[in-house]
Protein backbone atom coordinates (compact mmCIF):
# COMPACT_ATOMS: atom_id res chain seq x y z
CA MET A 1 -24.45 6.59 -0.54
CA LEU A 2 -26.30 8.34 -3.39
CA LYS A 3 -26.80 11.42 -1.21
CA THR A 4 -23.08 11.45 -0.35
CA LEU A 5 -22.17 11.10 -4.02
CA ILE A 6 -24.42 14.06 -4.96
CA GLU A 7 -22.80 16.15 -2.19
CA ALA A 8 -19.35 15.16 -3.51
CA PHE A 9 -20.31 16.24 -7.05
CA ALA A 10 -21.50 19.56 -5.62
CA LEU A 11 -18.14 20.02 -3.85
CA ILE A 12 -16.08 19.51 -7.03
CA SER A 13 -18.42 21.37 -9.42
CA THR A 14 -17.40 24.85 -8.22
CA TRP A 15 -15.40 27.09 -10.53
CA GLU A 16 -12.61 27.26 -7.96
CA VAL A 17 -12.09 23.48 -8.02
CA ILE A 18 -12.41 23.21 -11.82
CA ILE A 19 -9.89 26.01 -12.47
CA ALA A 20 -7.53 24.73 -9.73
CA MET A 21 -7.58 21.21 -11.18
CA PHE A 22 -7.02 22.34 -14.77
CA ALA A 23 -4.19 24.73 -13.82
CA ALA A 24 -2.53 22.10 -11.59
CA SER A 25 -2.79 19.53 -14.42
CA VAL A 26 -0.97 21.81 -16.87
CA TYR A 27 1.58 22.72 -14.18
CA GLY A 28 2.18 19.03 -13.34
CA LEU A 29 2.65 18.15 -17.03
CA VAL A 30 5.21 20.94 -17.52
CA ILE A 31 7.22 20.25 -14.34
CA GLY A 32 7.19 16.47 -14.89
CA SER A 33 8.46 16.86 -18.46
CA LEU A 34 11.51 18.89 -17.39
CA PRO A 35 14.42 16.50 -16.76
CA GLY A 36 15.32 16.15 -13.10
CA LEU A 37 12.23 17.85 -11.66
CA SER A 38 10.27 15.15 -9.84
CA ALA A 39 6.53 14.78 -9.19
CA THR A 40 7.25 15.17 -5.48
CA MET A 41 8.97 18.50 -6.10
CA ALA A 42 6.05 19.65 -8.27
CA THR A 43 3.66 18.78 -5.44
CA ALA A 44 5.82 20.42 -2.76
CA LEU A 45 5.95 23.69 -4.70
CA LEU A 46 2.13 23.74 -4.83
CA VAL A 47 1.78 23.81 -1.03
CA PRO A 48 2.03 27.63 -0.68
CA VAL A 49 -0.75 28.00 -3.27
CA THR A 50 -3.05 25.71 -1.25
CA PHE A 51 -3.07 28.29 1.61
CA TYR A 52 -5.42 30.43 -0.45
CA LEU A 53 -7.74 27.65 -1.64
CA SER A 54 -10.71 25.84 -0.09
CA PRO A 55 -9.95 22.33 1.30
CA ILE A 56 -11.36 20.48 -1.75
CA ALA A 57 -9.63 22.80 -4.26
CA ALA A 58 -6.33 22.40 -2.34
CA ILE A 59 -6.54 18.59 -2.51
CA ALA A 60 -7.58 18.84 -6.20
CA THR A 61 -4.30 20.61 -7.03
CA ILE A 62 -2.25 17.89 -5.29
CA VAL A 63 -4.17 15.06 -6.99
CA ALA A 64 -4.02 16.59 -10.48
CA ALA A 65 -0.39 17.76 -10.39
CA SER A 66 1.00 14.47 -9.01
CA SER A 67 -0.91 12.27 -11.50
CA MET A 68 0.16 14.41 -14.48
CA ALA A 69 3.80 14.77 -13.41
CA ILE A 70 4.27 11.00 -13.06
CA PHE A 71 3.12 10.50 -16.67
CA SER A 72 4.89 13.47 -18.26
CA GLY A 73 8.26 12.27 -16.96
CA ASP A 74 8.00 9.71 -19.80
CA ILE A 75 8.27 12.46 -22.44
CA PRO A 76 11.97 13.47 -22.05
CA GLY A 77 12.74 9.80 -21.28
CA ALA A 78 11.39 8.73 -24.68
CA LEU A 79 12.75 11.69 -26.66
CA LEU A 80 16.09 12.41 -24.93
CA ARG A 81 16.80 9.29 -22.82
CA ILE A 82 16.65 11.60 -19.78
CA PRO A 83 13.80 10.58 -17.45
CA GLY A 84 11.73 13.53 -16.23
CA THR A 85 10.88 11.80 -12.93
CA PRO A 86 12.44 8.88 -10.99
CA ALA A 87 9.40 6.72 -11.88
CA SER A 88 10.22 7.15 -15.59
CA ALA A 89 13.84 6.06 -15.13
CA ALA A 90 12.80 2.37 -14.99
CA TYR A 91 11.92 2.24 -18.68
CA ALA A 92 13.57 5.35 -20.20
CA ASP A 93 16.08 3.25 -22.17
CA GLU A 94 13.27 1.10 -23.60
CA ALA A 95 11.20 4.14 -24.62
CA TYR A 96 14.24 5.85 -26.17
CA ALA A 97 15.05 2.68 -28.14
CA MET A 98 11.51 2.79 -29.54
CA THR A 99 12.03 6.44 -30.56
CA ARG A 100 15.22 5.50 -32.39
CA LYS A 101 13.23 2.83 -34.25
CA GLY A 102 10.73 5.52 -35.33
CA GLN A 103 8.06 4.47 -32.81
CA ALA A 104 8.04 7.58 -30.60
CA GLU A 105 4.27 7.98 -31.03
CA LEU A 106 3.62 4.39 -29.90
CA ALA A 107 5.91 4.75 -26.85
CA LEU A 108 4.44 8.08 -25.73
CA GLY A 109 0.88 6.98 -26.54
CA ALA A 110 1.39 3.89 -24.36
CA GLY A 111 2.64 6.19 -21.60
CA VAL A 112 -0.53 8.33 -21.74
CA TRP A 113 -3.05 5.52 -22.16
CA PHE A 114 -1.73 3.00 -19.64
CA SER A 115 -0.94 5.69 -17.06
CA ALA A 116 -4.60 6.82 -17.24
CA VAL A 117 -5.87 3.23 -17.01
CA GLY A 118 -3.52 2.52 -14.09
CA GLY A 119 -4.60 5.69 -12.32
CA ILE A 120 -8.28 4.73 -12.56
CA ALA A 121 -7.46 1.19 -11.28
CA GLY A 122 -5.69 2.81 -8.32
CA VAL A 123 -8.76 4.94 -7.56
CA LEU A 124 -11.00 1.86 -7.63
CA SER A 125 -8.65 0.19 -5.12
CA LEU A 126 -8.89 3.29 -2.92
CA MET A 127 -12.70 3.18 -3.11
CA ILE A 128 -12.86 -0.57 -2.40
CA LEU A 129 -10.14 -0.90 0.27
CA ALA A 130 -10.56 2.27 2.30
CA PRO A 131 -14.14 1.97 3.69
CA PRO A 132 -13.83 -1.62 5.08
CA LEU A 133 -10.38 -0.82 6.46
CA ALA A 134 -11.87 2.29 8.10
CA GLU A 135 -14.43 0.06 9.85
CA ILE A 136 -11.60 -2.12 11.22
CA ALA A 137 -9.49 0.93 12.14
CA LEU A 138 -12.30 2.35 14.31
CA SER A 139 -11.62 -0.49 16.79
CA PHE A 140 -7.89 0.32 16.96
CA SER A 141 -6.42 1.52 20.25
CA THR A 142 -3.10 3.33 20.76
CA PHE A 143 -1.36 -0.10 20.99
CA GLU A 144 -2.38 -0.96 17.41
CA TYR A 145 -1.55 2.55 16.16
CA PHE A 146 1.93 2.31 17.67
CA TRP A 147 2.72 -0.98 15.93
CA LEU A 148 1.12 0.23 12.69
CA ALA A 149 3.24 3.40 12.66
CA LEU A 150 6.37 1.37 13.49
CA LEU A 151 5.54 -1.07 10.69
CA GLY A 152 5.20 1.88 8.31
CA LEU A 153 8.65 3.13 9.29
CA MET A 154 10.15 -0.34 8.86
CA CYS A 155 8.54 -0.79 5.42
CA ALA A 156 10.36 2.34 4.26
CA THR A 157 13.68 0.61 4.99
CA LEU A 158 12.61 -2.64 3.28
CA VAL A 159 11.60 -1.02 -0.02
CA ALA A 160 14.55 1.40 -0.22
CA ARG A 161 16.68 0.82 -3.33
CA SER A 162 19.81 1.77 -1.37
CA SER A 163 21.37 -0.12 1.55
CA PRO A 164 18.79 -0.95 4.28
CA VAL A 165 21.31 0.35 6.84
CA LYS A 166 21.39 3.74 5.10
CA ALA A 167 17.59 3.75 4.90
CA ILE A 168 17.37 3.07 8.67
CA ALA A 169 19.92 5.86 9.31
CA GLY A 170 17.82 8.26 7.21
CA MET A 171 14.68 7.23 9.09
CA PHE A 172 16.38 7.80 12.48
CA LEU A 173 17.48 11.26 11.34
CA GLY A 174 13.84 12.04 10.49
CA LEU A 175 12.71 10.76 13.92
CA LEU A 176 15.34 12.97 15.55
CA VAL A 177 14.01 16.02 13.67
CA SER A 178 10.45 15.17 14.80
CA CYS A 179 11.66 15.31 18.45
CA ILE A 180 12.54 19.02 18.22
CA GLY A 181 10.30 21.44 20.17
CA ILE A 182 7.85 21.18 23.07
CA GLU A 183 5.03 19.37 21.25
CA ASN A 184 5.74 16.09 23.03
CA PRO A 185 3.78 14.17 25.71
CA GLY A 186 5.95 15.66 28.49
CA GLY A 187 5.79 19.22 27.14
CA VAL A 188 9.56 19.54 27.70
CA PRO A 189 11.66 21.63 25.26
CA ARG A 190 13.97 19.29 23.33
CA PHE A 191 16.88 20.23 21.04
CA THR A 192 15.78 23.88 20.96
CA PHE A 193 19.17 25.33 22.09
CA GLY A 194 17.38 28.38 23.44
CA ILE A 195 16.04 29.33 19.98
CA THR A 196 12.38 30.32 20.39
CA ASP A 197 11.56 29.51 16.75
CA LEU A 198 12.38 25.86 17.45
CA PHE A 199 9.87 25.60 20.32
CA GLY A 200 7.10 24.82 17.81
CA GLY A 201 9.21 22.10 16.20
CA ILE A 202 10.12 21.61 12.56
CA GLU A 203 7.07 21.67 10.30
CA PRO A 204 7.05 18.77 7.79
CA ILE A 205 6.14 20.97 4.78
CA PRO A 206 9.27 23.24 4.81
CA ALA A 207 11.41 20.13 5.34
CA LEU A 208 9.77 18.44 2.34
CA VAL A 209 10.19 21.49 0.10
CA GLY A 210 13.85 21.71 1.13
CA VAL A 211 14.86 18.08 0.58
CA PHE A 212 13.02 17.72 -2.73
CA ALA A 213 13.03 21.14 -4.41
CA VAL A 214 16.10 23.03 -3.11
CA ALA A 215 18.27 19.88 -3.15
CA GLN A 216 17.24 19.28 -6.78
CA VAL A 217 18.26 22.84 -7.73
CA MET A 218 21.65 22.24 -6.08
CA ARG A 219 22.10 19.01 -8.06
CA ALA A 220 21.09 20.76 -11.30
CA MET A 221 23.81 23.40 -10.72
CA LEU A 222 26.45 20.65 -10.78
CA THR A 223 25.24 18.64 -13.78
CA PRO A 224 25.48 19.61 -17.47
CA GLU A 225 22.48 20.84 -19.46
CA PRO A 226 20.61 18.03 -21.32
CA PRO A 227 21.07 18.01 -25.12
CA PRO A 228 18.55 20.05 -27.15
CA LEU A 229 15.56 18.14 -28.50
CA PRO A 230 15.56 17.74 -32.30
CA ARG A 231 12.48 19.26 -33.97
CA ARG A 232 10.03 16.67 -35.32
CA LYS A 233 6.34 16.35 -36.11
CA PHE A 234 4.37 13.64 -34.33
CA GLY A 235 1.76 11.46 -36.02
CA SER A 236 -1.28 10.04 -34.24
CA ILE A 237 -0.39 9.55 -30.56
CA MET A 238 -3.22 7.16 -29.66
CA ALA A 239 -3.06 4.97 -32.78
CA GLY A 240 -2.65 1.31 -31.88
CA GLN A 241 -3.29 1.70 -28.13
CA TRP A 242 -6.49 -0.37 -28.11
CA LYS A 243 -4.63 -3.14 -29.97
CA LEU A 244 -1.88 -3.00 -27.30
CA THR A 245 -4.54 -3.17 -24.56
CA LYS A 246 -5.96 -6.39 -26.02
CA LEU A 247 -2.51 -7.87 -26.71
CA TYR A 248 -1.04 -7.06 -23.28
CA HIS A 249 -4.18 -7.11 -21.12
CA TRP A 250 -2.62 -9.51 -18.59
CA GLN A 251 0.56 -7.37 -18.31
CA MET A 252 -1.59 -4.26 -17.78
CA THR A 253 -3.64 -6.01 -15.08
CA ARG A 254 -0.52 -7.33 -13.36
CA GLY A 255 1.02 -3.84 -13.44
CA ASN A 256 -2.14 -2.38 -11.88
CA ILE A 257 -2.13 -5.00 -9.09
CA VAL A 258 1.60 -4.56 -8.34
CA GLY A 259 1.19 -0.76 -8.35
CA ILE A 260 -1.75 -0.94 -5.93
CA ILE A 261 0.10 -3.27 -3.53
CA ILE A 262 3.32 -1.21 -3.59
CA GLY A 263 1.35 2.04 -3.27
CA VAL A 264 -0.22 0.84 0.00
CA LEU A 265 3.24 0.10 1.46
CA PRO A 266 4.45 3.19 3.38
CA GLY A 267 7.43 4.89 1.75
CA ALA A 268 7.42 2.90 -1.52
CA GLY A 269 5.77 5.06 -4.19
CA ALA A 270 5.51 5.24 -7.97
CA ASP A 271 9.22 4.90 -8.75
CA MET A 272 9.45 1.62 -6.81
CA ALA A 273 6.26 0.37 -8.53
CA ALA A 274 7.70 1.18 -11.98
CA TRP A 275 11.03 -0.60 -11.30
CA VAL A 276 9.36 -3.72 -9.86
CA SER A 277 6.78 -3.93 -12.66
CA TYR A 278 9.35 -3.48 -15.43
CA ALA A 279 11.52 -6.22 -13.88
CA MET A 280 8.48 -8.53 -13.57
CA SER A 281 7.47 -7.83 -17.16
CA LYS A 282 10.90 -8.89 -18.38
CA ARG A 283 10.99 -11.92 -16.06
CA PHE A 284 7.62 -13.33 -17.18
CA SER A 285 7.70 -12.19 -20.82
CA LYS A 286 7.55 -14.71 -23.66
CA GLU A 287 10.07 -12.50 -25.50
CA PRO A 288 12.59 -11.36 -22.82
CA GLU A 289 15.36 -11.04 -25.44
CA LYS A 290 13.50 -8.07 -27.00
CA PHE A 291 13.69 -5.99 -23.81
CA GLY A 292 16.17 -3.12 -24.20
CA THR A 293 15.75 -3.06 -27.98
CA GLY A 294 12.54 -0.97 -28.04
CA HIS A 295 9.86 -3.46 -26.92
CA VAL A 296 6.59 -1.88 -25.76
CA GLU A 297 5.59 -4.69 -23.32
CA GLY A 298 7.66 -3.31 -20.43
CA LEU A 299 6.25 0.21 -20.98
CA VAL A 300 2.68 -1.12 -20.76
CA GLU A 301 3.20 -2.85 -17.42
CA ALA A 302 5.40 -0.19 -15.77
CA GLY A 303 3.20 2.68 -17.00
CA ALA A 304 0.06 1.00 -15.61
CA SER A 305 1.86 0.34 -12.32
CA ASN A 306 3.33 3.74 -11.46
CA ASN A 307 0.03 5.67 -11.73
CA ALA A 308 -1.93 2.93 -9.93
CA SER A 309 0.41 3.37 -6.96
CA ILE A 310 -0.34 7.13 -6.72
CA ALA A 311 -4.01 6.65 -5.78
CA SER A 312 -3.49 3.51 -3.66
CA GLY A 313 -0.80 5.40 -1.71
CA TRP A 314 -3.63 7.51 -0.28
CA VAL A 315 -5.20 4.46 1.45
CA PRO A 316 -2.83 4.43 4.50
CA SER A 317 -2.59 8.23 4.35
CA LEU A 318 -6.33 8.87 4.70
CA LEU A 319 -6.93 6.01 7.15
CA PHE A 320 -4.00 6.29 9.53
CA GLY A 321 -2.03 9.41 8.57
CA ILE A 322 0.79 7.10 7.37
CA PRO A 323 2.05 8.28 3.95
CA GLY A 324 2.18 5.68 1.19
CA ASP A 325 4.83 7.77 -0.58
CA THR A 326 6.43 11.23 -0.46
CA ILE A 327 3.56 12.81 -2.44
CA ALA A 328 1.08 11.41 0.09
CA ALA A 329 3.29 12.80 2.89
CA ILE A 330 2.82 16.29 1.43
CA ALA A 331 -0.92 15.62 1.00
CA ILE A 332 -1.17 14.68 4.71
CA GLY A 333 0.34 18.06 5.62
CA VAL A 334 -2.24 19.83 3.42
CA LEU A 335 -5.09 17.72 4.89
CA TYR A 336 -4.11 18.71 8.44
CA MET A 337 -3.75 22.33 7.38
CA LYS A 338 -7.28 22.32 5.91
CA GLY A 339 -8.94 20.60 8.90
CA LEU A 340 -9.38 17.22 7.15
CA ASN A 341 -7.39 15.31 9.77
CA PRO A 342 -6.58 11.80 8.47
CA GLY A 343 -8.16 8.90 10.37
CA PRO A 344 -11.00 6.39 10.13
CA THR A 345 -13.54 8.99 11.34
CA LEU A 346 -12.84 10.99 8.16
CA PHE A 347 -14.88 8.36 6.27
CA THR A 348 -17.91 8.76 8.53
CA GLU A 349 -17.87 12.44 9.53
CA LYS A 350 -16.72 13.83 6.16
CA ALA A 351 -17.77 11.09 3.74
CA SER A 352 -18.67 13.60 0.99
CA SER A 353 -15.09 14.97 1.06
CA MET A 354 -13.76 11.42 0.64
CA TYR A 355 -16.01 10.79 -2.37
CA ALA A 356 -14.91 14.14 -3.77
CA ILE A 357 -11.27 12.93 -3.58
CA TYR A 358 -12.23 9.71 -5.44
CA LEU A 359 -14.00 11.72 -8.16
CA MET A 360 -11.05 14.13 -8.50
CA PHE A 361 -8.67 11.21 -9.07
CA ILE A 362 -10.96 9.79 -11.78
CA ILE A 363 -11.34 13.21 -13.48
CA ALA A 364 -7.57 13.83 -13.31
CA ASN A 365 -6.83 10.51 -15.03
CA ILE A 366 -9.46 11.14 -17.73
CA LEU A 367 -8.03 14.66 -18.28
CA MET A 368 -4.59 13.09 -18.63
CA ILE A 369 -5.43 11.72 -22.10
CA PRO A 370 -6.28 14.98 -23.99
CA LEU A 371 -3.86 17.12 -21.97
CA GLY A 372 -1.12 14.48 -22.26
CA ILE A 373 -1.49 14.35 -26.05
CA ALA A 374 -1.31 18.17 -26.20
CA MET A 375 1.76 18.13 -23.96
CA ILE A 376 3.55 15.62 -26.20
CA ARG A 377 2.95 17.87 -29.19
CA VAL A 378 4.35 20.98 -27.47
CA ALA A 379 7.13 19.08 -25.66
CA ALA A 380 9.77 20.36 -28.08
CA TYR A 381 9.09 23.96 -26.97
CA ILE A 382 8.91 23.16 -23.22
CA LEU A 383 12.20 21.25 -23.32
CA LEU A 384 13.92 24.21 -25.01
CA ALA A 385 13.57 26.25 -21.78
CA PRO A 386 17.11 26.76 -20.42
CA ARG A 387 17.86 25.41 -16.96
CA SER A 388 19.34 28.79 -16.01
CA ALA A 389 15.84 30.29 -16.39
CA ILE A 390 13.89 27.51 -14.63
CA MET A 391 16.00 26.97 -11.50
CA PRO A 392 15.88 30.59 -10.19
CA ILE A 393 12.07 30.53 -10.54
CA ILE A 394 11.93 27.30 -8.50
CA MET A 395 14.15 28.83 -5.79
CA LEU A 396 11.93 31.92 -5.69
CA CYS A 397 8.82 29.73 -5.28
CA CYS A 398 10.53 27.82 -2.45
CA ALA A 399 11.49 31.04 -0.63
CA VAL A 400 8.06 32.70 -1.03
CA GLY A 401 6.21 29.52 -0.07
CA SER A 402 8.33 28.83 3.02
CA PHE A 403 7.88 32.43 4.21
CA ALA A 404 4.10 32.16 3.73
CA ILE A 405 3.89 29.07 5.98
CA GLY A 406 4.76 30.96 9.18
CA ASN A 407 5.10 34.57 7.98
CA ASN A 408 8.68 34.69 9.25
CA MET A 409 12.20 34.11 7.96
CA PHE A 410 12.63 30.96 10.05
CA GLY A 411 10.65 29.01 7.41
CA VAL A 412 13.05 30.19 4.69
CA VAL A 413 16.08 29.17 6.80
CA THR A 414 14.45 25.75 7.45
CA VAL A 415 13.90 25.14 3.73
CA ALA A 416 17.50 26.14 2.94
CA ALA A 417 18.92 23.93 5.73
CA PHE A 418 16.92 20.89 4.59
CA GLY A 419 17.95 21.57 1.01
CA VAL A 420 21.59 21.14 2.04
CA ILE A 421 20.73 18.05 4.15
CA GLY A 422 18.79 16.50 1.24
CA TYR A 423 21.62 17.17 -1.21
CA VAL A 424 24.28 15.66 1.06
CA MET A 425 22.11 12.60 1.80
CA GLU A 426 21.38 11.90 -1.88
CA ALA A 427 25.03 12.44 -2.83
CA ASN A 428 26.05 9.76 -0.31
CA GLY A 429 23.30 7.25 -1.13
CA TYR A 430 21.01 7.91 1.86
CA PRO A 431 17.32 7.88 0.78
CA VAL A 432 15.61 11.15 1.70
CA ALA A 433 12.20 9.44 1.50
CA ALA A 434 13.07 7.46 4.67
CA MET A 435 13.97 10.69 6.48
CA VAL A 436 10.73 12.34 5.34
CA LEU A 437 8.73 9.38 6.66
CA GLY A 438 10.51 9.74 10.02
CA ILE A 439 9.65 13.46 10.21
CA VAL A 440 5.99 12.92 9.28
CA MET A 441 5.40 9.91 11.53
CA GLY A 442 7.73 10.57 14.46
CA THR A 443 5.14 12.43 16.54
CA MET A 444 2.51 9.74 15.92
CA VAL A 445 4.88 6.93 17.02
CA GLU A 446 5.93 8.77 20.18
CA GLN A 447 2.43 9.83 21.24
CA ALA A 448 0.98 6.34 20.65
CA PHE A 449 3.85 4.74 22.59
CA VAL A 450 3.70 7.09 25.59
CA THR A 451 -0.13 7.01 25.75
CA SER A 452 -0.05 3.20 25.63
CA LEU A 453 2.51 3.04 28.46
CA ILE A 454 0.35 5.36 30.59
CA LYS A 455 -2.69 3.13 29.92
CA SER A 456 -0.78 -0.03 30.83
CA ASP A 457 0.87 1.55 33.90
CA GLY A 458 4.33 1.03 32.40
CA SER A 459 3.77 -2.62 31.41
CA ILE A 460 4.93 -3.86 27.98
CA LEU A 461 2.64 -6.95 27.93
CA PRO A 462 -0.54 -5.12 26.69
CA PHE A 463 1.39 -4.23 23.51
CA PHE A 464 1.17 -7.93 22.58
CA GLU A 465 -2.05 -9.09 24.28
CA ARG A 466 -4.65 -7.79 21.79
CA PRO A 467 -4.84 -10.07 18.68
CA VAL A 468 -4.47 -7.30 16.05
CA ALA A 469 -1.66 -5.65 18.05
CA ALA A 470 0.17 -9.01 18.28
CA ILE A 471 -0.06 -9.53 14.48
CA LEU A 472 1.14 -5.99 13.75
CA ALA A 473 3.95 -6.41 16.33
CA ALA A 474 5.12 -9.64 14.65
CA MET A 475 5.11 -7.91 11.24
CA ALA A 476 6.96 -4.82 12.54
CA ILE A 477 9.62 -6.89 14.36
CA GLY A 478 9.98 -9.13 11.28
CA ALA A 479 10.48 -6.04 9.09
CA LEU A 480 13.09 -4.75 11.55
CA LEU A 481 15.02 -8.05 11.59
CA TRP A 482 14.74 -8.72 7.84
CA PRO A 483 17.75 -6.56 6.78
CA VAL A 484 19.85 -8.25 9.50
CA MET A 485 18.82 -11.72 8.29
CA VAL A 486 19.61 -10.79 4.66
CA TRP A 487 23.04 -9.49 5.72
CA VAL A 488 23.78 -12.69 7.70
CA TRP A 489 22.62 -14.86 4.79
CA ARG A 490 24.91 -13.02 2.37
CA LYS A 491 27.85 -13.58 4.72
CA VAL A 492 27.07 -17.25 5.43
CA LYS A 493 26.22 -18.36 1.87
CA PRO A 494 29.67 -17.61 0.27
CA ALA A 495 31.34 -19.38 3.20
CA GLN A 496 29.17 -22.48 2.68
CA THR A 497 29.83 -22.39 -1.09
CA ALA A 498 33.59 -22.12 -0.49
CA ALA A 499 33.48 -25.03 1.96
CA ALA A 500 31.52 -27.19 -0.47
CA THR A 501 33.98 -26.35 -3.29
CA GLY A 502 36.93 -27.20 -1.02
CA ARG A 503 35.56 -30.72 -0.48
């Protein structure tokens, strides 16, 4: 282990990795602080840059930018009541209420400090959970992988904030997209319509850039500019944070645990972790009446939770190639591109690379404190940048990056098409995260299913005969039936109440 750790330190101590991590940290802080530009979009825009970096430097940019962007979304939320990222939306009203009470430094300081603590807790979970799970995963056959992938798809529908039916529809659309091309077990062209560019299928990365970046630009074109930020000087950002840590240590711990659990669930992510943790904080608080009036307790728990989920979301991604959230989905694409194919063997064959990822997460969360404080102080200048100047630059990055992926115009057309699809889906309440999960995991589900059927000579029974496969099958089928049971319960309960009232 010591030898592996020394090798990992050697991998991240190169100038390329150090510069890439620092630049990605600053980039993530800036993008996250601009209202409406999500951490996922920040990560997606980095993909073209990773083409020119070594594998470790490429992963370093993803790790640093995503961690920083999740935190810096708190800045416009606290100062303007406009969350920079969806994860910050859960407690933007609370943070803004603190600013109006003259406690902007305390609110933003809590965001920096508890995000960093949560991020480190998430890394520890990744270090503790991943190796033993990798040992178990080495005994998995295609039967277990099929049920695991199906369970991942079903989880995306369970944790969706919109209607489960819409989440399932989005997931099916993603599965349909993953069917395009000839890269299927039968090697038969599907949905190509005679277009040679479609023979290779739709790459997940251009689809991700389209639904998150281009769709966001389209939404920004139709919404008014946020109000200008009033000029003000900040006092000490970190004053009182240690006192808050001691006062709300249980809330911080609970937020870390909830963030880690939600991060491991495929398709959930930091925004879900923040919403759940803020709701739990209010539910179990001794002073629930103070929530909404500028009470820091909810910020402590939600801030610790959203960054903890970022690192723990890499557990299923590295082990099984199943993304814990949309950022991890992009990271999986980069891992494949750089030859670090996700799977349990990654922990044995390339253990030093895994330790390097752990160390990069820890460094990114430590860097978050000084860089976050600096970002808060210059936030007034960043937020003055007009949207009309930012959005064309984002579109240019999308176009250049999508062209670089395949060195042809088909990538640009793909990004544009998925931008329109993403915009229409979001406008009608269909979660794009479910579609992204379908695109990323569709091939894995199909290959595991077909390979298993070939092994079993067409019999379905072996899918349930192995103990682990049977447990995963029960969980996947339960997740599939859960929305139906909830719907039936909602229909039956009012009828029973009406009948009881009638008596």
